[in-house]
Amino acid sequence: VEWAEDNSYRPFCSKRCQLIDLGAWASERNKIAGSSLFDSEEDLGEITKH
């Protein structure tokens, strides 16, 4: 796949690759390394995990 400015799926090569990446983040297979911003689930307040 050629990298082009007019590629609507940038930085991905296709819609399929875009959805695969989104799925990995949504299922938490991809994570950003580091410690949590919250010490416990009680600190989450009104934020809930779905």
PDB file of N, CA and C in Angstrom:
ATOM      1  N   VAL A   1       0.856  -1.174   0.000  1.00  0.00           N
ATOM      2  CA  VAL A   1       0.000   0.000   0.000  1.00  0.00           C
ATOM      3  C   VAL A   1       0.892   1.225   0.000  1.00  0.00           C
ATOM      4  N   GLU A   2       0.600   2.131  -0.894  1.00  0.00           N
ATOM      5  CA  GLU A   2       1.385   3.358  -0.999  1.00  0.00           C
ATOM      6  C   GLU A   2       0.915   4.380   0.032  1.00  0.00           C
ATOM      7  N   TRP A   3       1.877   4.997   0.726  1.00  0.00           N
ATOM      8  CA  TRP A   3       1.570   6.046   1.702  1.00  0.00           C
ATOM      9  C   TRP A   3       1.280   7.320   0.932  1.00  0.00           C
ATOM     10  N   ALA A   4       0.073   7.856   1.109  1.00  0.00           N
ATOM     11  CA  ALA A   4      -0.303   9.064   0.380  1.00  0.00           C
ATOM     12  C   ALA A   4      -1.128   9.977   1.269  1.00  0.00           C
ATOM     13  N   GLU A   5      -1.027  11.271   1.036  1.00  0.00           N
ATOM     14  CA  GLU A   5      -1.776  12.267   1.800  1.00  0.00           C
ATOM     15  C   GLU A   5      -3.287  12.061   1.670  1.00  0.00           C
ATOM     16  N   ASP A   6      -3.739  11.563   0.538  1.00  0.00           N
ATOM     17  CA  ASP A   6      -5.178  11.416   0.312  1.00  0.00           C
ATOM     18  C   ASP A   6      -5.751  10.089   0.840  1.00  0.00           C
ATOM     19  N   ASN A   7      -4.928   9.292   1.516  1.00  0.00           N
ATOM     20  CA  ASN A   7      -5.405   8.046   2.114  1.00  0.00           C
ATOM     21  C   ASN A   7      -6.278   8.395   3.318  1.00  0.00           C
ATOM     22  N   SER A   8      -7.551   8.135   3.237  1.00  0.00           N
ATOM     23  CA  SER A   8      -8.478   8.500   4.314  1.00  0.00           C
ATOM     24  C   SER A   8      -8.304   7.640   5.567  1.00  0.00           C
ATOM     25  N   TYR A   9      -7.527   6.569   5.496  1.00  0.00           N
ATOM     26  CA  TYR A   9      -7.327   5.682   6.647  1.00  0.00           C
ATOM     27  C   TYR A   9      -5.986   5.920   7.347  1.00  0.00           C
ATOM     28  N   ARG A  10      -5.247   6.927   6.914  1.00  0.00           N
ATOM     29  CA  ARG A  10      -3.956   7.218   7.542  1.00  0.00           C
ATOM     30  C   ARG A  10      -4.110   7.338   9.042  1.00  0.00           C
ATOM     31  N   PRO A  11      -3.262   6.836   9.860  1.00  0.00           N
ATOM     32  CA  PRO A  11      -1.969   6.226   9.538  1.00  0.00           C
ATOM     33  C   PRO A  11      -2.058   4.743   9.185  1.00  0.00           C
ATOM     34  N   PHE A  12      -3.243   4.235   8.967  1.00  0.00           N
ATOM     35  CA  PHE A  12      -3.430   2.827   8.614  1.00  0.00           C
ATOM     36  C   PHE A  12      -3.488   2.670   7.105  1.00  0.00           C
ATOM     37  N   CYS A  13      -3.253   1.460   6.643  1.00  0.00           N
ATOM     38  CA  CYS A  13      -3.269   1.220   5.205  1.00  0.00           C
ATOM     39  C   CYS A  13      -4.681   1.008   4.673  1.00  0.00           C
ATOM     40  N   SER A  14      -5.600   0.581   5.541  1.00  0.00           N
ATOM     41  CA  SER A  14      -6.957   0.288   5.081  1.00  0.00           C
ATOM     42  C   SER A  14      -7.944   0.364   6.243  1.00  0.00           C
ATOM     43  N   LYS A  15      -9.220   0.318   5.927  1.00  0.00           N
ATOM     44  CA  LYS A  15     -10.267   0.302   6.947  1.00  0.00           C
ATOM     45  C   LYS A  15     -10.119  -0.937   7.830  1.00  0.00           C
ATOM     46  N   ARG A  16      -9.771  -2.069   7.226  1.00  0.00           N
ATOM     47  CA  ARG A  16      -9.598  -3.316   7.979  1.00  0.00           C
ATOM     48  C   ARG A  16      -8.519  -3.155   9.046  1.00  0.00           C
ATOM     49  N   CYS A  17      -7.366  -2.618   8.678  1.00  0.00           N
ATOM     50  CA  CYS A  17      -6.283  -2.421   9.649  1.00  0.00           C
ATOM     51  C   CYS A  17      -6.688  -1.421  10.726  1.00  0.00           C
ATOM     52  N   GLN A  18      -7.438  -0.414  10.344  1.00  0.00           N
ATOM     53  CA  GLN A  18      -7.933   0.575  11.303  1.00  0.00           C
ATOM     54  C   GLN A  18      -8.835  -0.099  12.341  1.00  0.00           C
ATOM     55  N   LEU A  19      -9.737  -0.967  11.892  1.00  0.00           N
ATOM     56  CA  LEU A  19     -10.658  -1.649  12.801  1.00  0.00           C
ATOM     57  C   LEU A  19      -9.954  -2.683  13.675  1.00  0.00           C
ATOM     58  N   ILE A  20      -8.947  -3.347  13.135  1.00  0.00           N
ATOM     59  CA  ILE A  20      -8.167  -4.299  13.930  1.00  0.00           C
ATOM     60  C   ILE A  20      -7.477  -3.568  15.075  1.00  0.00           C
ATOM     61  N   ASP A  21      -6.889  -2.418  14.793  1.00  0.00           N
ATOM     62  CA  ASP A  21      -6.219  -1.635  15.825  1.00  0.00           C
ATOM     63  C   ASP A  21      -7.213  -1.132  16.866  1.00  0.00           C
ATOM     64  N   LEU A  22      -8.352  -0.637  16.424  1.00  0.00           N
ATOM     65  CA  LEU A  22      -9.386  -0.165  17.346  1.00  0.00           C
ATOM     66  C   LEU A  22      -9.843  -1.305  18.258  1.00  0.00           C
ATOM     67  N   GLY A  23     -10.027  -2.488  17.691  1.00  0.00           N
ATOM     68  CA  GLY A  23     -10.440  -3.645  18.476  1.00  0.00           C
ATOM     69  C   GLY A  23      -9.416  -4.024  19.530  1.00  0.00           C
ATOM     70  N   ALA A  24      -8.137  -3.908  19.198  1.00  0.00           N
ATOM     71  CA  ALA A  24      -7.080  -4.227  20.160  1.00  0.00           C
ATOM     72  C   ALA A  24      -7.104  -3.261  21.334  1.00  0.00           C
ATOM     73  N   TRP A  25      -7.348  -1.984  21.080  1.00  0.00           N
ATOM     74  CA  TRP A  25      -7.447  -1.012  22.174  1.00  0.00           C
ATOM     75  C   TRP A  25      -8.722  -1.237  22.977  1.00  0.00           C
ATOM     76  N   ALA A  26      -9.827  -1.509  22.310  1.00  0.00           N
ATOM     77  CA  ALA A  26     -11.111  -1.688  22.997  1.00  0.00           C
ATOM     78  C   ALA A  26     -11.102  -2.923  23.896  1.00  0.00           C
ATOM     79  N   SER A  27     -10.407  -3.965  23.479  1.00  0.00           N
ATOM     80  CA  SER A  27     -10.339  -5.188  24.284  1.00  0.00           C
ATOM     81  C   SER A  27      -9.186  -5.151  25.288  1.00  0.00           C
ATOM     82  N   GLU A  28      -8.481  -4.050  25.323  1.00  0.00           N
ATOM     83  CA  GLU A  28      -7.349  -3.824  26.229  1.00  0.00           C
ATOM     84  C   GLU A  28      -6.169  -4.749  25.966  1.00  0.00           C
ATOM     85  N   ARG A  29      -6.046  -5.274  24.725  1.00  0.00           N
ATOM     86  CA  ARG A  29      -4.826  -5.993  24.347  1.00  0.00           C
ATOM     87  C   ARG A  29      -3.688  -4.988  24.201  1.00  0.00           C
ATOM     88  N   ASN A  30      -4.011  -3.778  23.741  1.00  0.00           N
ATOM     89  CA  ASN A  30      -3.042  -2.681  23.686  1.00  0.00           C
ATOM     90  C   ASN A  30      -3.244  -1.821  24.920  1.00  0.00           C
ATOM     91  N   LYS A  31      -2.151  -1.448  25.549  1.00  0.00           N
ATOM     92  CA  LYS A  31      -2.212  -0.589  26.732  1.00  0.00           C
ATOM     93  C   LYS A  31      -1.019   0.348  26.708  1.00  0.00           C
ATOM     94  N   ILE A  32      -1.162   1.491  27.343  1.00  0.00           N
ATOM     95  CA  ILE A  32      -0.054   2.418  27.496  1.00  0.00           C
ATOM     96  C   ILE A  32       0.636   2.076  28.811  1.00  0.00           C
ATOM     97  N   ALA A  33       1.940   1.833  28.744  1.00  0.00           N
ATOM     98  CA  ALA A  33       2.699   1.443  29.932  1.00  0.00           C
ATOM     99  C   ALA A  33       2.723   2.565  30.963  1.00  0.00           C
ATOM    100  N   GLY A  34       2.736   2.176  32.212  1.00  0.00           N
ATOM    101  CA  GLY A  34       2.819   3.148  33.292  1.00  0.00           C
ATOM    102  C   GLY A  34       1.851   2.805  34.393  1.00  0.00           C
ATOM    103  N   SER A  35       1.933   3.579  35.443  1.00  0.00           N
ATOM    104  CA  SER A  35       1.047   3.328  36.576  1.00  0.00           C
ATOM    105  C   SER A  35      -0.309   3.981  36.344  1.00  0.00           C
ATOM    106  N   SER A  36      -1.286   3.493  37.052  1.00  0.00           N
ATOM    107  CA  SER A  36      -2.647   4.000  36.937  1.00  0.00           C
ATOM    108  C   SER A  36      -2.747   5.400  37.518  1.00  0.00           C
ATOM    109  N   LEU A  37      -3.649   6.185  36.991  1.00  0.00           N
ATOM    110  CA  LEU A  37      -3.903   7.515  37.538  1.00  0.00           C
ATOM    111  C   LEU A  37      -4.711   7.431  38.821  1.00  0.00           C
ATOM    112  N   PHE A  38      -5.327   6.275  39.058  1.00  0.00           N
ATOM    113  CA  PHE A  38      -6.177   6.082  40.220  1.00  0.00           C
ATOM    114  C   PHE A  38      -5.574   5.002  41.112  1.00  0.00           C
ATOM    115  N   ASP A  39      -5.632   5.198  42.429  1.00  0.00           N
ATOM    116  CA  ASP A  39      -5.083   4.223  43.368  1.00  0.00           C
ATOM    117  C   ASP A  39      -5.969   2.993  43.525  1.00  0.00           C
ATOM    118  N   SER A  40      -7.268   3.169  43.395  1.00  0.00           N
ATOM    119  CA  SER A  40      -8.185   2.046  43.540  1.00  0.00           C
ATOM    120  C   SER A  40      -9.443   2.332  42.737  1.00  0.00           C
ATOM    121  N   GLU A  41     -10.311   1.334  42.657  1.00  0.00           N
ATOM    122  CA  GLU A  41     -11.563   1.529  41.932  1.00  0.00           C
ATOM    123  C   GLU A  41     -12.440   2.565  42.606  1.00  0.00           C
ATOM    124  N   GLU A  42     -12.272   2.757  43.906  1.00  0.00           N
ATOM    125  CA  GLU A  42     -13.056   3.767  44.619  1.00  0.00           C
ATOM    126  C   GLU A  42     -12.728   5.170  44.122  1.00  0.00           C
ATOM    127  N   ASP A  43     -11.489   5.379  43.676  1.00  0.00           N
ATOM    128  CA  ASP A  43     -11.062   6.685  43.185  1.00  0.00           C
ATOM    129  C   ASP A  43     -11.681   7.033  41.836  1.00  0.00           C
ATOM    130  N   LEU A  44     -12.269   6.050  41.183  1.00  0.00           N
ATOM    131  CA  LEU A  44     -12.834   6.291  39.862  1.00  0.00           C
ATOM    132  C   LEU A  44     -14.103   7.128  39.913  1.00  0.00           C
ATOM    133  N   GLY A  45     -14.761   7.149  41.059  1.00  0.00           N
ATOM    134  CA  GLY A  45     -15.969   7.954  41.189  1.00  0.00           C
ATOM    135  C   GLY A  45     -17.032   7.518  40.210  1.00  0.00           C
ATOM    136  N   GLU A  46     -17.443   8.432  39.356  1.00  0.00           N
ATOM    137  CA  GLU A  46     -18.522   8.132  38.415  1.00  0.00           C
ATOM    138  C   GLU A  46     -18.027   7.488  37.131  1.00  0.00           C
ATOM    139  N   ILE A  47     -16.718   7.343  36.968  1.00  0.00           N
ATOM    140  CA  ILE A  47     -16.178   6.685  35.782  1.00  0.00           C
ATOM    141  C   ILE A  47     -16.389   5.187  35.953  1.00  0.00           C
ATOM    142  N   THR A  48     -16.973   4.546  34.967  1.00  0.00           N
ATOM    143  CA  THR A  48     -17.224   3.109  35.065  1.00  0.00           C
ATOM    144  C   THR A  48     -16.592   2.384  33.895  1.00  0.00           C
ATOM    145  N   LYS A  49     -16.193   1.159  34.134  1.00  0.00           N
ATOM    146  CA  LYS A  49     -15.654   0.317  33.077  1.00  0.00           C
ATOM    147  C   LYS A  49     -16.805  -0.442  32.443  1.00  0.00           C
ATOM    148  N   HIS A  50     -16.858  -0.467  31.137  1.00  0.00           N
ATOM    149  CA  HIS A  50     -17.939  -1.152  30.421  1.00  0.00           C
ATOM    150  C   HIS A  50     -17.492  -2.506  29.974  1.00  0.00           C
TER     151      HIS A  50
END
